[in-house]
Each structure stands twice: as C-alpha cells, then as structure tokens.
Amino acid sequence: QNAQRYFKQYAKPKKSRDRLEEFISHNLDEIRYLESIQVALDKASNIEEIEEIIDELEEQGFARAKSRSKGRAAASKPRRFMSTDGLCIWVGKNNRQNETLTLKTSRKTDLWLHAQGYAGAHVILELPPSVTSIDDVPVSSLEEAAILAGYYSRGKDAEKVPVDYTFRSQVKKPRGARPGMVIYDNYWTVFVNPSDPRLQGLLQTASD
C-alpha cells in the first residue's frame, strides 16, 4: 500500500511534467513557424507575394479570413540564381513555396540547403547527372548556395551562419507539420558570411 501511494505521488507530477514538455515543444514549433513568416515578409518584393503569405496565415488559423479580389495573379515562382559554375540555385519565397520547391519540384539527387538554427528559405542547388556523391559537388556552387541560404534567413545580419546541406532524398515532412517545416538526415554543415562579397554577384543573376 505504501508503494502504491508513493507511486501515485510520483506519477502525478511526472504526468504533468510530460504534458508541460509537450506544450513547450509545440510552442517552440509555432515560434519557428512564425519566424519563417517574418523572413518571407521581410524579403517580399511585391503585393502578390505578401498576399500569398496572408493566404497561408489564414489557412493555418493565424489570421482571420477576409474577402479579397478573386482576380489575383498566379502564384509566384521561386527566386532563381546562377552559380559561377553555371548551375541553377532556387530559393523559396515563402513556406508554401519552400514545400513545393523541396518536395515536389526538385529532384532527389539535387542538393538541399537551409540555415541551421534560423528560420529561412529552402535552397535547392540543381546538380547535373554526373554528380553522384557529395565529393563531386562543385565547391564554389555549394558555397554560393550556402551564402544565399544564410542571406534569406533570420541570420542574414550575422557574421557567420552555419548552413546544413544534404541530398534532397534525405529531406522529409513530418505528418501534420506546418507548411515548409521539414526534417532531414545525413547532412553536412558549412559556415558562411551572408554578406560575403560573392552575394552581390549572385543577386545580379536573380530572376523569378
């Protein structure tokens, strides 16, 4: 009887602690998601891109749905850059676009990049068929894609940002996760300065 009483005294706070940890984890996920919205708004270049973000917020229950004109233009496309090696680098403009770019548009053999620990854009470095291992990836293109991943993230003002990269095949979306929220395995990390002088050259190659 004493053992049962002690067990009940132990089980009640343990259950409360487990629920609290679950609650904290959920809130941290929500904070990361809203930070990604802030990054998308900071980088939005026209009203159509802002409208897309508002649509997402309404869909996710963070904003009250309002009637807006139905004659809206087609959804925007990811930003496209060219590396010095002539490889395409794609950068998502918002969470919906990040998800489409990563999970639907890109090939599993392409390289996926994201600033580690920061909300930010998904970046895809298109790789030619000749690239069959990470050692075959052109270093200059990898670094340039990483610079863009750092620049289009909340870490853009930092002097050094860790950027994770892996093959697209290693990236997955957890069931029930918010748009653009993914997990990944078997990755490498490179440190870049988002203000690297190469950034200006990359921005000059940008197209939508």
Protein backbone atom coordinates (compact mmCIF):
# COMPACT_ATOMS: atom_id res chain seq x y z
CA GLN A 1 0.00 0.00 0.00
CA ASN A 2 2.84 2.37 0.83
CA ALA A 3 4.47 1.51 -2.50
CA GLN A 4 1.26 2.28 -4.37
CA ARG A 5 0.88 5.58 -2.51
CA TYR A 6 4.45 6.60 -3.32
CA PHE A 7 3.97 5.59 -6.94
CA LYS A 8 0.85 7.76 -7.24
CA GLN A 9 2.74 10.68 -5.67
CA TYR A 10 5.47 10.19 -8.26
CA ALA A 11 3.20 9.56 -11.27
CA LYS A 12 1.10 12.72 -10.92
CA PRO A 13 3.94 15.29 -11.20
CA LYS A 14 5.63 13.14 -13.85
CA LYS A 15 2.49 13.24 -15.99
CA SER A 16 2.26 17.00 -15.50
CA ARG A 17 5.90 17.41 -16.46
CA ASP A 18 5.46 15.31 -19.61
CA ARG A 19 2.46 17.41 -20.63
CA LEU A 20 4.40 20.61 -19.94
CA GLU A 21 7.33 19.42 -22.07
CA GLU A 22 4.92 18.58 -24.89
CA PHE A 23 3.33 22.01 -24.57
CA ILE A 24 6.73 23.74 -24.66
CA SER A 25 7.79 21.73 -27.71
CA HIS A 26 4.58 22.65 -29.53
CA ASN A 27 5.03 26.34 -28.73
CA LEU A 28 8.63 26.30 -29.94
CA ASP A 29 7.45 24.81 -33.24
CA GLU A 30 4.86 27.58 -33.55
CA ILE A 31 7.51 30.22 -32.83
CA ARG A 32 9.80 28.79 -35.52
CA TYR A 33 6.93 28.77 -37.97
CA LEU A 34 6.01 32.42 -37.29
CA GLU A 35 9.68 33.38 -37.58
CA SER A 36 9.68 31.83 -41.05
CA ILE A 37 6.66 34.01 -41.90
CA GLN A 38 8.61 37.07 -40.77
CA VAL A 39 11.54 36.15 -43.03
CA ALA A 40 9.18 35.75 -46.00
CA LEU A 41 7.58 39.14 -45.31
CA ASP A 42 10.98 40.83 -44.96
CA LYS A 43 12.02 39.51 -48.38
CA ALA A 44 8.69 40.01 -50.18
CA SER A 45 9.17 42.31 -53.18
CA ASN A 46 5.58 42.93 -54.30
CA ILE A 47 1.97 42.86 -53.14
CA GLU A 48 1.30 39.47 -54.77
CA GLU A 49 3.96 37.81 -52.62
CA ILE A 50 2.50 39.41 -49.50
CA GLU A 51 -0.98 38.19 -50.50
CA GLU A 52 0.38 34.64 -50.72
CA ILE A 53 1.72 34.91 -47.17
CA ILE A 54 -1.62 36.27 -45.93
CA ASP A 55 -3.40 33.32 -47.58
CA GLU A 56 -1.09 30.93 -45.74
CA LEU A 57 -1.68 32.64 -42.40
CA GLU A 58 -5.42 32.44 -42.92
CA GLU A 59 -5.19 28.78 -43.89
CA GLN A 60 -3.15 27.99 -40.77
CA GLY A 61 -5.53 29.87 -38.48
CA PHE A 62 -3.21 32.76 -37.59
CA ALA A 63 -5.29 35.39 -39.39
CA ARG A 64 -8.99 35.89 -39.89
CA ALA A 65 -10.07 35.17 -43.45
CA LYS A 66 -11.10 38.28 -45.36
CA SER A 67 -12.65 38.58 -48.77
CA ARG A 68 -10.15 39.89 -51.31
CA SER A 69 -10.33 40.26 -55.07
CA LYS A 70 -10.58 36.90 -56.81
CA GLY A 71 -8.75 38.06 -59.91
CA ARG A 72 -5.39 37.50 -58.29
CA ALA A 73 -2.36 36.68 -60.41
CA ALA A 74 -0.90 33.19 -60.50
CA ALA A 75 1.28 32.12 -57.60
CA SER A 76 4.81 33.48 -57.70
CA LYS A 77 7.78 31.31 -58.58
CA PRO A 78 10.91 30.70 -56.50
CA ARG A 79 13.87 33.01 -56.97
CA ARG A 80 16.38 31.65 -59.46
CA PHE A 81 20.12 32.36 -59.37
CA MET A 82 23.09 31.13 -61.37
CA SER A 83 26.30 29.94 -59.74
CA THR A 84 29.70 30.73 -61.21
CA ASP A 85 29.77 27.12 -62.43
CA GLY A 86 26.54 27.69 -64.37
CA LEU A 87 24.32 25.69 -62.00
CA CYS A 88 20.81 26.84 -61.08
CA ILE A 89 20.14 27.77 -57.46
CA TRP A 90 16.49 28.04 -56.41
CA VAL A 91 15.34 29.92 -53.30
CA GLY A 92 11.79 29.67 -51.92
CA LYS A 93 9.94 32.93 -51.21
CA ASN A 94 7.51 31.62 -48.58
CA ASN A 95 6.64 28.44 -46.70
CA ARG A 96 4.24 27.07 -49.30
CA GLN A 97 6.82 27.67 -51.98
CA ASN A 98 9.57 26.13 -49.85
CA GLU A 99 7.50 22.98 -49.53
CA THR A 100 6.68 22.77 -53.22
CA LEU A 101 10.26 23.51 -54.24
CA THR A 102 11.72 20.90 -51.92
CA LEU A 103 9.21 18.07 -52.01
CA LYS A 104 7.67 18.36 -55.48
CA THR A 105 9.78 20.37 -57.92
CA SER A 106 13.35 19.41 -57.08
CA ARG A 107 14.92 16.06 -57.85
CA LYS A 108 16.02 13.72 -55.09
CA THR A 109 19.57 13.96 -56.42
CA ASP A 110 19.68 17.76 -56.04
CA LEU A 111 21.31 19.41 -53.05
CA TRP A 112 19.08 20.96 -50.35
CA LEU A 113 20.36 23.73 -48.04
CA HIS A 114 18.98 25.59 -45.03
CA ALA A 115 20.46 27.90 -42.40
CA GLN A 116 20.95 25.85 -39.24
CA GLY A 117 19.02 27.15 -36.24
CA TYR A 118 17.41 30.01 -38.17
CA ALA A 119 14.07 30.38 -39.88
CA GLY A 120 14.69 30.87 -43.56
CA ALA A 121 14.23 29.81 -47.15
CA HIS A 122 14.74 26.35 -48.59
CA VAL A 123 17.54 26.45 -51.14
CA ILE A 124 17.99 23.91 -53.93
CA LEU A 125 21.21 23.56 -55.90
CA GLU A 126 20.44 21.72 -59.14
CA LEU A 127 23.09 19.09 -59.76
CA PRO A 128 23.97 17.54 -63.13
CA PRO A 129 23.69 13.74 -63.56
CA SER A 130 27.48 13.50 -63.42
CA VAL A 131 27.36 14.34 -59.69
CA THR A 132 26.91 11.03 -57.88
CA SER A 133 28.45 11.82 -54.49
CA ILE A 134 28.94 14.83 -52.23
CA ASP A 135 32.61 14.92 -53.25
CA ASP A 136 31.56 15.66 -56.84
CA VAL A 137 29.61 18.82 -55.94
CA PRO A 138 31.48 21.94 -57.18
CA VAL A 139 32.76 23.71 -54.08
CA SER A 140 32.16 27.22 -55.44
CA SER A 141 28.50 26.44 -56.26
CA LEU A 142 27.99 24.83 -52.86
CA GLU A 143 29.40 27.89 -51.10
CA GLU A 144 27.32 30.28 -53.20
CA ALA A 145 24.12 28.33 -52.49
CA ALA A 146 25.01 28.39 -48.78
CA ILE A 147 25.55 32.16 -48.90
CA LEU A 148 22.05 32.55 -50.33
CA ALA A 149 20.63 30.26 -47.64
CA GLY A 150 22.24 32.46 -45.00
CA TYR A 151 21.11 35.69 -46.66
CA TYR A 152 17.50 34.55 -46.97
CA SER A 153 17.26 33.63 -43.29
CA ARG A 154 16.97 35.34 -39.91
CA GLY A 155 20.73 35.01 -39.63
CA LYS A 156 21.38 37.38 -42.53
CA ASP A 157 22.98 40.01 -40.24
CA ALA A 158 25.33 37.57 -38.52
CA GLU A 159 28.99 37.38 -39.50
CA LYS A 160 28.99 33.58 -39.58
CA VAL A 161 25.99 31.34 -40.19
CA PRO A 162 26.03 27.52 -40.18
CA VAL A 163 24.21 26.14 -43.22
CA ASP A 164 23.21 22.48 -43.36
CA TYR A 165 23.17 20.71 -46.70
CA THR A 166 22.18 17.25 -47.84
CA PHE A 167 20.74 15.49 -50.84
CA ARG A 168 17.05 16.19 -51.33
CA SER A 169 16.30 12.49 -50.80
CA GLN A 170 17.17 12.96 -47.11
CA VAL A 171 14.50 15.65 -46.54
CA LYS A 172 11.01 14.74 -45.34
CA LYS A 173 7.95 16.49 -43.94
CA PRO A 174 6.57 15.14 -40.64
CA ARG A 175 2.90 14.27 -40.67
CA GLY A 176 0.77 17.21 -39.56
CA ALA A 177 3.64 19.72 -39.74
CA ARG A 178 3.10 23.34 -40.82
CA PRO A 179 3.87 24.31 -44.45
CA GLY A 180 7.59 24.30 -45.15
CA MET A 181 8.50 22.51 -41.92
CA VAL A 182 10.78 19.52 -42.65
CA ILE A 183 13.28 17.18 -41.05
CA TYR A 184 16.46 15.79 -42.60
CA ASP A 185 19.22 13.22 -42.03
CA ASN A 186 22.80 12.54 -43.12
CA TYR A 187 23.77 16.17 -43.59
CA TRP A 188 26.91 18.26 -43.64
CA THR A 189 27.43 21.83 -42.42
CA VAL A 190 29.32 24.75 -43.91
CA PHE A 191 29.86 28.16 -42.28
CA VAL A 192 29.31 31.25 -44.42
CA ASN A 193 29.07 35.00 -44.11
CA PRO A 194 25.73 36.13 -45.57
CA SER A 195 27.44 39.41 -46.53
CA ASP A 196 30.17 37.61 -48.48
CA PRO A 197 31.26 39.75 -51.48
CA ARG A 198 30.02 36.99 -53.80
CA LEU A 199 26.45 37.77 -52.73
CA GLN A 200 26.19 40.87 -54.94
CA GLY A 201 27.23 38.90 -58.00
CA LEU A 202 24.62 36.25 -57.23
CA LEU A 203 21.87 38.83 -56.73
CA GLN A 204 22.60 40.24 -60.17
CA THR A 205 21.73 36.85 -61.70
CA ALA A 206 18.35 36.70 -59.92
CA SER A 207 15.17 36.05 -61.86
CA ASP A 208 11.63 34.94 -60.94
